[in-house]
Amino acid sequence: MLEEKLKHIIRDVYDFPKPGIVFKDITSLLQNAQLCEEMVDAFVEQVKDCKLDAVAGIESRGFLFGMMLANRLKIPFVPIRKQGKLPFHTISESYALEYGQATIEMHEDAFPKGSRILIHDDLLATGGTVVAASKLIEKLGGEIAGYCFVISLDFLNSQGRLTRFSPHVFSLAHYK
């Protein structure tokens, strides 16, 4: 099963980026092209009924499989980046972190109003970044068609923060 394969390869890095955190490192997955194909196949299967117009990937690891998924679905990819990284006119959304605040941005012409957007990131933890990304998409008149993640840290109970935007929340590997 794909979830067991992923959990076997995903690396735990202790005390990164700060003491007490166990970081789930997906870079080890990127060394296996066949496994990456299986992951994209699984994402395609999970979202096949979502009627998508674009995939939005959150910087930076959300770009990896988000772009692959968008290409496979033959729809546009929308990068959501940290403040100050996009070259054109942007809209922004700030959100709280456990150690401060962050801001993400998206181009103001990222997609037409009414578009159905799938948000992709590598990991669902507390959900703060993903909620901010959802608000950005709504600011531009987009609809959140769903979410997909490589990993979900279910013990943080963050999925409920997302279901107010869309009931479709998919993850390949769950940590309880």
C-alpha atoms as a PDB file:
ATOM      1  CA  MET A   1       0.000   0.000   0.000  1.00  0.00           C
ATOM      2  CA  LEU A   2       1.223   3.488  -0.873  1.00  0.00           C
ATOM      3  CA  GLU A   3       0.857   4.898   2.642  1.00  0.00           C
ATOM      4  CA  GLU A   4       3.189   2.255   4.100  1.00  0.00           C
ATOM      5  CA  LYS A   5       5.754   2.867   1.337  1.00  0.00           C
ATOM      6  CA  LEU A   6       5.712   6.593   2.082  1.00  0.00           C
ATOM      7  CA  LYS A   7       5.998   6.160   5.840  1.00  0.00           C
ATOM      8  CA  HIS A   8       8.937   3.814   5.336  1.00  0.00           C
ATOM      9  CA  ILE A   9      10.819   6.426   3.278  1.00  0.00           C
ATOM     10  CA  ILE A  10       9.775   9.717   4.946  1.00  0.00           C
ATOM     11  CA  ARG A  11      12.551  10.730   7.306  1.00  0.00           C
ATOM     12  CA  ASP A  12      12.034  12.057  10.831  1.00  0.00           C
ATOM     13  CA  VAL A  13      14.432  14.896  11.622  1.00  0.00           C
ATOM     14  CA  TYR A  14      14.446  15.688  15.327  1.00  0.00           C
ATOM     15  CA  ASP A  15      14.672  19.227  16.698  1.00  0.00           C
ATOM     16  CA  PHE A  16      14.197  20.888  13.308  1.00  0.00           C
ATOM     17  CA  PRO A  17      13.527  23.742  12.728  1.00  0.00           C
ATOM     18  CA  LYS A  18      13.578  24.207  16.501  1.00  0.00           C
ATOM     19  CA  PRO A  19      13.943  22.022  19.598  1.00  0.00           C
ATOM     20  CA  GLY A  20      11.009  19.712  20.283  1.00  0.00           C
ATOM     21  CA  ILE A  21       9.827  19.522  16.666  1.00  0.00           C
ATOM     22  CA  VAL A  22       9.954  16.246  14.714  1.00  0.00           C
ATOM     23  CA  PHE A  23      10.163  17.374  11.067  1.00  0.00           C
ATOM     24  CA  LYS A  24       8.718  15.017   8.444  1.00  0.00           C
ATOM     25  CA  ASP A  25      11.261  15.247   5.601  1.00  0.00           C
ATOM     26  CA  ILE A  26       9.881  14.349   2.160  1.00  0.00           C
ATOM     27  CA  THR A  27      13.125  14.954   0.257  1.00  0.00           C
ATOM     28  CA  SER A  28      13.890  11.247   0.575  1.00  0.00           C
ATOM     29  CA  LEU A  29      10.757  10.548  -1.518  1.00  0.00           C
ATOM     30  CA  LEU A  30      12.157  12.650  -4.357  1.00  0.00           C
ATOM     31  CA  GLN A  31      14.977  10.141  -4.868  1.00  0.00           C
ATOM     32  CA  ASN A  32      12.478   7.555  -6.140  1.00  0.00           C
ATOM     33  CA  ALA A  33      10.954   8.577  -9.490  1.00  0.00           C
ATOM     34  CA  GLN A  34       8.615   5.568  -9.597  1.00  0.00           C
ATOM     35  CA  LEU A  35       7.246   6.377  -6.144  1.00  0.00           C
ATOM     36  CA  CYS A  36       6.720  10.015  -7.167  1.00  0.00           C
ATOM     37  CA  GLU A  37       4.687   8.773 -10.153  1.00  0.00           C
ATOM     38  CA  GLU A  38       2.609   6.585  -7.825  1.00  0.00           C
ATOM     39  CA  MET A  39       1.989   9.585  -5.589  1.00  0.00           C
ATOM     40  CA  VAL A  40       0.797  11.755  -8.466  1.00  0.00           C
ATOM     41  CA  ASP A  41      -1.405   8.874  -9.682  1.00  0.00           C
ATOM     42  CA  ALA A  42      -2.938   8.668  -6.195  1.00  0.00           C
ATOM     43  CA  PHE A  43      -3.554  12.425  -6.099  1.00  0.00           C
ATOM     44  CA  VAL A  44      -5.215  12.285  -9.534  1.00  0.00           C
ATOM     45  CA  GLU A  45      -7.466   9.456  -8.334  1.00  0.00           C
ATOM     46  CA  GLN A  46      -8.399  11.364  -5.163  1.00  0.00           C
ATOM     47  CA  VAL A  47      -9.369  14.577  -6.981  1.00  0.00           C
ATOM     48  CA  LYS A  48     -10.884  13.141 -10.152  1.00  0.00           C
ATOM     49  CA  ASP A  49     -14.422  14.263  -9.241  1.00  0.00           C
ATOM     50  CA  CYS A  50     -13.521  17.763  -8.002  1.00  0.00           C
ATOM     51  CA  LYS A  51     -13.938  19.591 -11.358  1.00  0.00           C
ATOM     52  CA  LEU A  52     -10.758  21.639 -11.034  1.00  0.00           C
ATOM     53  CA  ASP A  53      -9.666  24.755 -12.916  1.00  0.00           C
ATOM     54  CA  ALA A  54      -6.202  25.085 -11.307  1.00  0.00           C
ATOM     55  CA  VAL A  55      -3.878  23.704  -8.653  1.00  0.00           C
ATOM     56  CA  ALA A  56      -2.385  26.168  -6.166  1.00  0.00           C
ATOM     57  CA  GLY A  57       0.850  25.040  -4.507  1.00  0.00           C
ATOM     58  CA  ILE A  58       2.203  26.561  -1.316  1.00  0.00           C
ATOM     59  CA  GLU A  59       5.898  27.497  -1.173  1.00  0.00           C
ATOM     60  CA  SER A  60       8.072  25.649  -1.347  1.00  0.00           C
ATOM     61  CA  ARG A  61       7.471  21.928  -1.026  1.00  0.00           C
ATOM     62  CA  GLY A  62       3.906  22.377  -2.276  1.00  0.00           C
ATOM     63  CA  PHE A  63       5.431  23.276  -5.638  1.00  0.00           C
ATOM     64  CA  LEU A  64       6.989  19.831  -6.088  1.00  0.00           C
ATOM     65  CA  PHE A  65       3.927  17.624  -6.449  1.00  0.00           C
ATOM     66  CA  GLY A  66       1.512  20.504  -7.055  1.00  0.00           C
ATOM     67  CA  MET A  67       3.143  21.310 -10.392  1.00  0.00           C
ATOM     68  CA  MET A  68       3.316  17.623 -11.333  1.00  0.00           C
ATOM     69  CA  LEU A  69      -0.376  17.228 -10.482  1.00  0.00           C
ATOM     70  CA  ALA A  70      -1.408  20.326 -12.434  1.00  0.00           C
ATOM     71  CA  ASN A  71       0.533  19.107 -15.470  1.00  0.00           C
ATOM     72  CA  ARG A  72      -1.026  15.658 -15.247  1.00  0.00           C
ATOM     73  CA  LEU A  73      -4.503  17.209 -15.004  1.00  0.00           C
ATOM     74  CA  LYS A  74      -3.630  19.627 -17.830  1.00  0.00           C
ATOM     75  CA  ILE A  75      -4.670  22.658 -15.794  1.00  0.00           C
ATOM     76  CA  PRO A  76      -2.746  25.765 -14.655  1.00  0.00           C
ATOM     77  CA  PHE A  77      -0.484  25.851 -11.613  1.00  0.00           C
ATOM     78  CA  VAL A  78      -0.701  28.833  -9.232  1.00  0.00           C
ATOM     79  CA  PRO A  79       2.259  29.487  -6.926  1.00  0.00           C
ATOM     80  CA  ILE A  80       1.506  30.833  -3.453  1.00  0.00           C
ATOM     81  CA  ARG A  81       4.722  32.325  -2.107  1.00  0.00           C
ATOM     82  CA  LYS A  82       6.211  34.014   0.905  1.00  0.00           C
ATOM     83  CA  GLN A  83       5.872  37.788   0.950  1.00  0.00           C
ATOM     84  CA  GLY A  84       8.084  39.653  -1.510  1.00  0.00           C
ATOM     85  CA  LYS A  85       8.915  36.689  -3.766  1.00  0.00           C
ATOM     86  CA  LEU A  86       6.440  37.222  -6.620  1.00  0.00           C
ATOM     87  CA  PRO A  87       7.363  39.792  -9.304  1.00  0.00           C
ATOM     88  CA  PHE A  88       3.924  41.097 -10.346  1.00  0.00           C
ATOM     89  CA  HIS A  89       0.996  42.726  -8.521  1.00  0.00           C
ATOM     90  CA  THR A  90      -0.028  40.583  -5.567  1.00  0.00           C
ATOM     91  CA  ILE A  91      -2.602  40.149  -2.853  1.00  0.00           C
ATOM     92  CA  SER A  92      -1.485  38.991   0.569  1.00  0.00           C
ATOM     93  CA  GLU A  93      -2.729  37.261   3.693  1.00  0.00           C
ATOM     94  CA  SER A  94      -1.010  37.232   7.069  1.00  0.00           C
ATOM     95  CA  TYR A  95      -1.399  34.491   9.653  1.00  0.00           C
ATOM     96  CA  ALA A  96      -0.087  33.591  13.081  1.00  0.00           C
ATOM     97  CA  LEU A  97       2.726  31.144  13.686  1.00  0.00           C
ATOM     98  CA  GLU A  98       3.620  29.585  17.014  1.00  0.00           C
ATOM     99  CA  TYR A  99       6.648  31.901  17.060  1.00  0.00           C
ATOM    100  CA  GLY A 100       5.359  35.018  15.275  1.00  0.00           C
ATOM    101  CA  GLN A 101       3.584  35.944  12.074  1.00  0.00           C
ATOM    102  CA  ALA A 102       4.026  35.216   8.375  1.00  0.00           C
ATOM    103  CA  THR A 103       2.538  36.548   5.147  1.00  0.00           C
ATOM    104  CA  ILE A 104       1.913  34.733   1.883  1.00  0.00           C
ATOM    105  CA  GLU A 105       1.068  36.208  -1.508  1.00  0.00           C
ATOM    106  CA  MET A 106      -0.425  35.304  -4.843  1.00  0.00           C
ATOM    107  CA  HIS A 107      -0.563  37.211  -8.128  1.00  0.00           C
ATOM    108  CA  GLU A 108      -3.780  39.183  -8.400  1.00  0.00           C
ATOM    109  CA  ASP A 109      -4.377  37.700 -11.881  1.00  0.00           C
ATOM    110  CA  ALA A 110      -3.640  34.080 -10.855  1.00  0.00           C
ATOM    111  CA  PHE A 111      -6.977  32.749 -12.142  1.00  0.00           C
ATOM    112  CA  PRO A 112     -10.367  33.991 -13.379  1.00  0.00           C
ATOM    113  CA  LYS A 113     -13.115  34.726 -10.850  1.00  0.00           C
ATOM    114  CA  GLY A 114     -15.238  31.652 -10.156  1.00  0.00           C
ATOM    115  CA  SER A 115     -12.383  29.189 -10.741  1.00  0.00           C
ATOM    116  CA  ARG A 116     -12.344  25.967  -8.732  1.00  0.00           C
ATOM    117  CA  ILE A 117      -8.940  25.628  -7.094  1.00  0.00           C
ATOM    118  CA  LEU A 118      -7.245  22.640  -5.470  1.00  0.00           C
ATOM    119  CA  ILE A 119      -4.707  23.657  -2.822  1.00  0.00           C
ATOM    120  CA  HIS A 120      -1.683  21.398  -2.473  1.00  0.00           C
ATOM    121  CA  ASP A 121       1.070  21.317   0.120  1.00  0.00           C
ATOM    122  CA  ASP A 122       3.415  18.649   1.386  1.00  0.00           C
ATOM    123  CA  LEU A 123       2.165  18.662   4.978  1.00  0.00           C
ATOM    124  CA  LEU A 124      -0.967  19.515   6.919  1.00  0.00           C
ATOM    125  CA  ALA A 125       0.106  20.402  10.460  1.00  0.00           C
ATOM    126  CA  THR A 126      -1.692  23.217  12.317  1.00  0.00           C
ATOM    127  CA  GLY A 127      -3.360  24.438   9.106  1.00  0.00           C
ATOM    128  CA  GLY A 128      -2.447  28.115   9.461  1.00  0.00           C
ATOM    129  CA  THR A 129      -0.709  28.455   6.097  1.00  0.00           C
ATOM    130  CA  VAL A 130      -3.413  26.511   4.280  1.00  0.00           C
ATOM    131  CA  VAL A 131      -6.210  28.596   5.813  1.00  0.00           C
ATOM    132  CA  ALA A 132      -4.340  31.756   4.736  1.00  0.00           C
ATOM    133  CA  ALA A 133      -3.986  30.315   1.211  1.00  0.00           C
ATOM    134  CA  SER A 134      -7.726  29.565   1.186  1.00  0.00           C
ATOM    135  CA  LYS A 135      -8.488  33.161   2.135  1.00  0.00           C
ATOM    136  CA  LEU A 136      -6.244  34.422  -0.679  1.00  0.00           C
ATOM    137  CA  ILE A 137      -8.139  32.325  -3.207  1.00  0.00           C
ATOM    138  CA  GLU A 138     -11.481  33.530  -1.885  1.00  0.00           C
ATOM    139  CA  LYS A 139     -10.276  37.169  -2.085  1.00  0.00           C
ATOM    140  CA  LEU A 140      -9.842  36.677  -5.834  1.00  0.00           C
ATOM    141  CA  GLY A 141     -13.296  35.128  -6.177  1.00  0.00           C
ATOM    142  CA  GLY A 142     -12.084  31.546  -6.409  1.00  0.00           C
ATOM    143  CA  GLU A 143     -13.752  28.527  -4.885  1.00  0.00           C
ATOM    144  CA  ILE A 144     -11.789  25.964  -2.872  1.00  0.00           C
ATOM    145  CA  ALA A 145     -12.545  22.664  -4.607  1.00  0.00           C
ATOM    146  CA  GLY A 146     -10.383  20.681  -2.189  1.00  0.00           C
ATOM    147  CA  TYR A 147      -7.008  20.087  -0.607  1.00  0.00           C
ATOM    148  CA  CYS A 148      -4.360  17.435  -1.050  1.00  0.00           C
ATOM    149  CA  PHE A 149      -1.296  16.740   1.052  1.00  0.00           C
ATOM    150  CA  VAL A 150       1.479  14.201   1.072  1.00  0.00           C
ATOM    151  CA  ILE A 151       1.334  14.028   4.889  1.00  0.00           C
ATOM    152  CA  SER A 152      -1.317  14.853   7.469  1.00  0.00           C
ATOM    153  CA  LEU A 153      -0.452  15.139  11.150  1.00  0.00           C
ATOM    154  CA  ASP A 154      -3.913  14.039  12.263  1.00  0.00           C
ATOM    155  CA  PHE A 155      -3.051  14.330  15.967  1.00  0.00           C
ATOM    156  CA  LEU A 156      -3.109  18.135  15.521  1.00  0.00           C
ATOM    157  CA  ASN A 157      -6.803  17.996  14.466  1.00  0.00           C
ATOM    158  CA  SER A 158      -6.381  20.610  11.720  1.00  0.00           C
ATOM    159  CA  GLN A 159      -8.628  19.100   9.065  1.00  0.00           C
ATOM    160  CA  GLY A 160     -11.635  20.763  10.721  1.00  0.00           C
ATOM    161  CA  ARG A 161     -10.112  24.175  10.002  1.00  0.00           C
ATOM    162  CA  LEU A 162     -10.257  23.354   6.283  1.00  0.00           C
ATOM    163  CA  THR A 163     -13.702  21.783   5.936  1.00  0.00           C
ATOM    164  CA  ARG A 164     -15.351  25.196   6.254  1.00  0.00           C
ATOM    165  CA  PHE A 165     -13.775  25.964   2.849  1.00  0.00           C
ATOM    166  CA  SER A 166     -14.207  22.488   1.293  1.00  0.00           C
ATOM    167  CA  PRO A 167     -15.150  19.026   2.557  1.00  0.00           C
ATOM    168  CA  HIS A 168     -12.566  17.448   0.230  1.00  0.00           C
ATOM    169  CA  VAL A 169      -9.332  17.012   2.199  1.00  0.00           C
ATOM    170  CA  PHE A 170      -7.031  14.257   0.929  1.00  0.00           C
ATOM    171  CA  SER A 171      -3.701  13.014   2.306  1.00  0.00           C
ATOM    172  CA  LEU A 172      -1.497  10.125   1.281  1.00  0.00           C
ATOM    173  CA  ALA A 173       0.092   9.425   4.681  1.00  0.00           C
ATOM    174  CA  HIS A 174      -1.583   9.973   8.039  1.00  0.00           C
ATOM    175  CA  TYR A 175       0.220  10.232  11.362  1.00  0.00           C
ATOM    176  CA  LYS A 176      -2.201   9.752  14.240  1.00  0.00           C
END
